[in-house]
Amino acid sequence: MLLVDNYNGRLAQGQPLQQVLVEGSTERLVAILMTAFTSALGMLPLAIGSGAGKEILQPLAVVVLGGLFTSTALTLIVLPALYVQFSRFVVPQRSHPVVSESSPNPLGVAGN
C-alpha cells in the first residue's frame, strides 16, 4: 500500500509513469528489504533448529520464510508491472484547461 501510495503521489506531481516507477521503487526499496530481512532472520532459528517441538514449528517456519521471500519478490517485481497495466483505470487522467484566443489570458500577460 505504501508503494502504490508513493506512485500515486508522484503521478499527482506530474512525473512521467516510468520515472514514477523507478524513483518510487528505489525510494521504498530499503524499507521493503529490511522488513523482509529482519522477519526472515527471526524465523531462521526455527527453520534450522533442532530439539523438542521442532516437528511442529519447523514446517511452519519454512512456510513463513517462503512466504516472506515470495511476497518480497511480488512487491518488487510484480506490483510495479501491475501498476503499469492498471494505472490508467485507477489513476484519474489529468485534464488540461484549453485556452482559446477569445478567452481572457489567465496570467494577465499580453500576447505576442
C-alpha atoms as a PDB file:
ATOM      1  CA  MET A   1       0.000   0.000   0.000  1.00  0.00           C
ATOM      2  CA  LEU A   2       2.821   2.411   0.781  1.00  0.00           C
ATOM      3  CA  LEU A   3       4.487   1.718  -2.549  1.00  0.00           C
ATOM      4  CA  VAL A   4       1.288   2.343  -4.521  1.00  0.00           C
ATOM      5  CA  ASP A   5       0.628   5.493  -2.482  1.00  0.00           C
ATOM      6  CA  ASN A   6       4.148   6.632  -3.319  1.00  0.00           C
ATOM      7  CA  TYR A   7       3.446   6.026  -7.013  1.00  0.00           C
ATOM      8  CA  ASN A   8       0.130   7.902  -6.850  1.00  0.00           C
ATOM      9  CA  GLY A   9       1.727  10.868  -5.112  1.00  0.00           C
ATOM     10  CA  ARG A  10       4.450  11.123  -7.723  1.00  0.00           C
ATOM     11  CA  LEU A  11       1.937  10.851 -10.560  1.00  0.00           C
ATOM     12  CA  ALA A  12      -0.103  13.637  -8.980  1.00  0.00           C
ATOM     13  CA  GLN A  13       3.026  15.813  -9.083  1.00  0.00           C
ATOM     14  CA  GLY A  14       3.121  15.337 -12.852  1.00  0.00           C
ATOM     15  CA  GLN A  15       6.064  12.959 -13.244  1.00  0.00           C
ATOM     16  CA  PRO A  16       6.020  10.507 -16.178  1.00  0.00           C
ATOM     17  CA  LEU A  17       4.991   6.932 -15.383  1.00  0.00           C
ATOM     18  CA  GLN A  18       8.399   5.347 -15.999  1.00  0.00           C
ATOM     19  CA  GLN A  19      10.132   7.887 -13.756  1.00  0.00           C
ATOM     20  CA  VAL A  20       7.456   7.326 -11.096  1.00  0.00           C
ATOM     21  CA  LEU A  21       8.110   3.573 -11.086  1.00  0.00           C
ATOM     22  CA  VAL A  22      11.898   3.833 -10.967  1.00  0.00           C
ATOM     23  CA  GLU A  23      12.187   6.581  -8.355  1.00  0.00           C
ATOM     24  CA  GLY A  24       9.270   5.364  -6.248  1.00  0.00           C
ATOM     25  CA  SER A  25      10.587   1.802  -6.138  1.00  0.00           C
ATOM     26  CA  THR A  26      14.154   2.811  -5.312  1.00  0.00           C
ATOM     27  CA  GLU A  27      12.910   5.116  -2.558  1.00  0.00           C
ATOM     28  CA  ARG A  28      10.963   2.302  -0.852  1.00  0.00           C
ATOM     29  CA  LEU A  29      13.468  -0.487  -1.655  1.00  0.00           C
ATOM     30  CA  VAL A  30      15.451  -0.265   1.581  1.00  0.00           C
ATOM     31  CA  ALA A  31      12.337  -0.306   3.763  1.00  0.00           C
ATOM     32  CA  ILE A  32      10.887  -3.332   1.941  1.00  0.00           C
ATOM     33  CA  LEU A  33      14.134  -5.310   2.030  1.00  0.00           C
ATOM     34  CA  MET A  34      14.923  -4.508   5.671  1.00  0.00           C
ATOM     35  CA  THR A  35      11.427  -5.504   6.799  1.00  0.00           C
ATOM     36  CA  ALA A  36      11.632  -8.836   4.986  1.00  0.00           C
ATOM     37  CA  PHE A  37      15.228  -9.437   6.097  1.00  0.00           C
ATOM     38  CA  THR A  38      14.564  -8.864   9.789  1.00  0.00           C
ATOM     39  CA  SER A  39      11.475 -11.074   9.706  1.00  0.00           C
ATOM     40  CA  ALA A  40      13.395 -13.833   7.919  1.00  0.00           C
ATOM     41  CA  LEU A  41      16.273 -13.509  10.352  1.00  0.00           C
ATOM     42  CA  GLY A  42      13.863 -14.028  13.229  1.00  0.00           C
ATOM     43  CA  MET A  43      12.402 -17.180  11.628  1.00  0.00           C
ATOM     44  CA  LEU A  44      15.746 -18.694  10.656  1.00  0.00           C
ATOM     45  CA  PRO A  45      16.488 -20.333  14.043  1.00  0.00           C
ATOM     46  CA  LEU A  46      13.089 -22.030  13.960  1.00  0.00           C
ATOM     47  CA  ALA A  47      13.632 -23.281  10.414  1.00  0.00           C
ATOM     48  CA  ILE A  48      17.065 -24.813  11.029  1.00  0.00           C
ATOM     49  CA  GLY A  49      16.789 -25.555  14.741  1.00  0.00           C
ATOM     50  CA  SER A  50      16.548 -28.899  16.418  1.00  0.00           C
ATOM     51  CA  GLY A  51      15.119 -30.016  19.707  1.00  0.00           C
ATOM     52  CA  ALA A  52      11.780 -30.550  21.316  1.00  0.00           C
ATOM     53  CA  GLY A  53       8.814 -29.316  19.301  1.00  0.00           C
ATOM     54  CA  LYS A  54      10.663 -28.949  16.006  1.00  0.00           C
ATOM     55  CA  GLU A  55       8.232 -31.356  14.315  1.00  0.00           C
ATOM     56  CA  ILE A  56       5.517 -28.726  14.576  1.00  0.00           C
ATOM     57  CA  LEU A  57       7.432 -25.429  14.446  1.00  0.00           C
ATOM     58  CA  GLN A  58       9.979 -26.222  11.738  1.00  0.00           C
ATOM     59  CA  PRO A  59       7.468 -26.734   8.873  1.00  0.00           C
ATOM     60  CA  LEU A  60       5.643 -23.577   9.954  1.00  0.00           C
ATOM     61  CA  ALA A  61       8.872 -21.579   9.927  1.00  0.00           C
ATOM     62  CA  VAL A  62       9.784 -22.895   6.476  1.00  0.00           C
ATOM     63  CA  VAL A  63       6.385 -21.868   5.115  1.00  0.00           C
ATOM     64  CA  VAL A  64       6.676 -18.409   6.678  1.00  0.00           C
ATOM     65  CA  LEU A  65      10.162 -17.952   5.201  1.00  0.00           C
ATOM     66  CA  GLY A  66       8.899 -18.984   1.775  1.00  0.00           C
ATOM     67  CA  GLY A  67       6.057 -16.518   2.092  1.00  0.00           C
ATOM     68  CA  LEU A  68       8.438 -13.724   3.044  1.00  0.00           C
ATOM     69  CA  PHE A  69      10.640 -14.318   0.024  1.00  0.00           C
ATOM     70  CA  THR A  70       7.660 -14.679  -2.295  1.00  0.00           C
ATOM     71  CA  SER A  71       5.902 -11.565  -1.036  1.00  0.00           C
ATOM     72  CA  THR A  72       9.094  -9.521  -1.290  1.00  0.00           C
ATOM     73  CA  ALA A  73       9.613 -10.634  -4.894  1.00  0.00           C
ATOM     74  CA  LEU A  74       5.988  -9.902  -5.731  1.00  0.00           C
ATOM     75  CA  THR A  75       6.243  -6.461  -4.160  1.00  0.00           C
ATOM     76  CA  LEU A  76       9.411  -5.507  -6.006  1.00  0.00           C
ATOM     77  CA  ILE A  77       8.742  -7.115  -9.397  1.00  0.00           C
ATOM     78  CA  VAL A  78       5.068  -7.874  -9.975  1.00  0.00           C
ATOM     79  CA  LEU A  79       3.493  -4.858  -8.264  1.00  0.00           C
ATOM     80  CA  PRO A  80       5.192  -2.253 -10.499  1.00  0.00           C
ATOM     81  CA  ALA A  81       4.243  -4.300 -13.572  1.00  0.00           C
ATOM     82  CA  LEU A  82       0.617  -4.479 -12.446  1.00  0.00           C
ATOM     83  CA  TYR A  83       0.653  -0.757 -11.703  1.00  0.00           C
ATOM     84  CA  VAL A  84       1.684  -0.050 -15.291  1.00  0.00           C
ATOM     85  CA  GLN A  85      -1.144  -2.231 -16.607  1.00  0.00           C
ATOM     86  CA  PHE A  86      -3.902  -0.893 -14.364  1.00  0.00           C
ATOM     87  CA  SER A  87      -2.819   2.687 -13.660  1.00  0.00           C
ATOM     88  CA  ARG A  88      -4.988   4.023 -16.475  1.00  0.00           C
ATOM     89  CA  PHE A  89      -8.067   2.637 -14.692  1.00  0.00           C
ATOM     90  CA  VAL A  90      -7.130   3.613 -11.154  1.00  0.00           C
ATOM     91  CA  VAL A  91      -5.387   6.961 -11.545  1.00  0.00           C
ATOM     92  CA  PRO A  92      -7.625   9.705 -12.947  1.00  0.00           C
ATOM     93  CA  GLN A  93      -6.344  11.355 -16.095  1.00  0.00           C
ATOM     94  CA  ARG A  94      -5.186  14.932 -15.685  1.00  0.00           C
ATOM     95  CA  SER A  95      -7.181  17.354 -17.735  1.00  0.00           C
ATOM     96  CA  HIS A  96      -5.516  20.488 -19.021  1.00  0.00           C
ATOM     97  CA  PRO A  97      -7.681  23.567 -19.481  1.00  0.00           C
ATOM     98  CA  VAL A  98      -7.937  24.716 -23.073  1.00  0.00           C
ATOM     99  CA  VAL A  99      -7.178  28.403 -23.536  1.00  0.00           C
ATOM    100  CA  SER A 100      -8.686  29.837 -26.677  1.00  0.00           C
ATOM    101  CA  GLU A 101      -7.799  33.090 -28.379  1.00  0.00           C
ATOM    102  CA  SER A 102     -11.103  34.697 -27.341  1.00  0.00           C
ATOM    103  CA  SER A 103     -10.810  33.803 -23.663  1.00  0.00           C
ATOM    104  CA  PRO A 104      -9.003  36.192 -21.336  1.00  0.00           C
ATOM    105  CA  ASN A 105      -5.378  35.428 -20.637  1.00  0.00           C
ATOM    106  CA  PRO A 106      -5.248  33.648 -17.240  1.00  0.00           C
ATOM    107  CA  LEU A 107      -1.807  35.045 -16.459  1.00  0.00           C
ATOM    108  CA  GLY A 108      -2.645  38.627 -17.339  1.00  0.00           C
ATOM    109  CA  VAL A 109       0.275  38.845 -19.749  1.00  0.00           C
ATOM    110  CA  ALA A 110      -0.090  40.482 -23.135  1.00  0.00           C
ATOM    111  CA  GLY A 111       0.064  38.165 -26.139  1.00  0.00           C
ATOM    112  CA  ASN A 112       2.844  38.018 -28.737  1.00  0.00           C
END
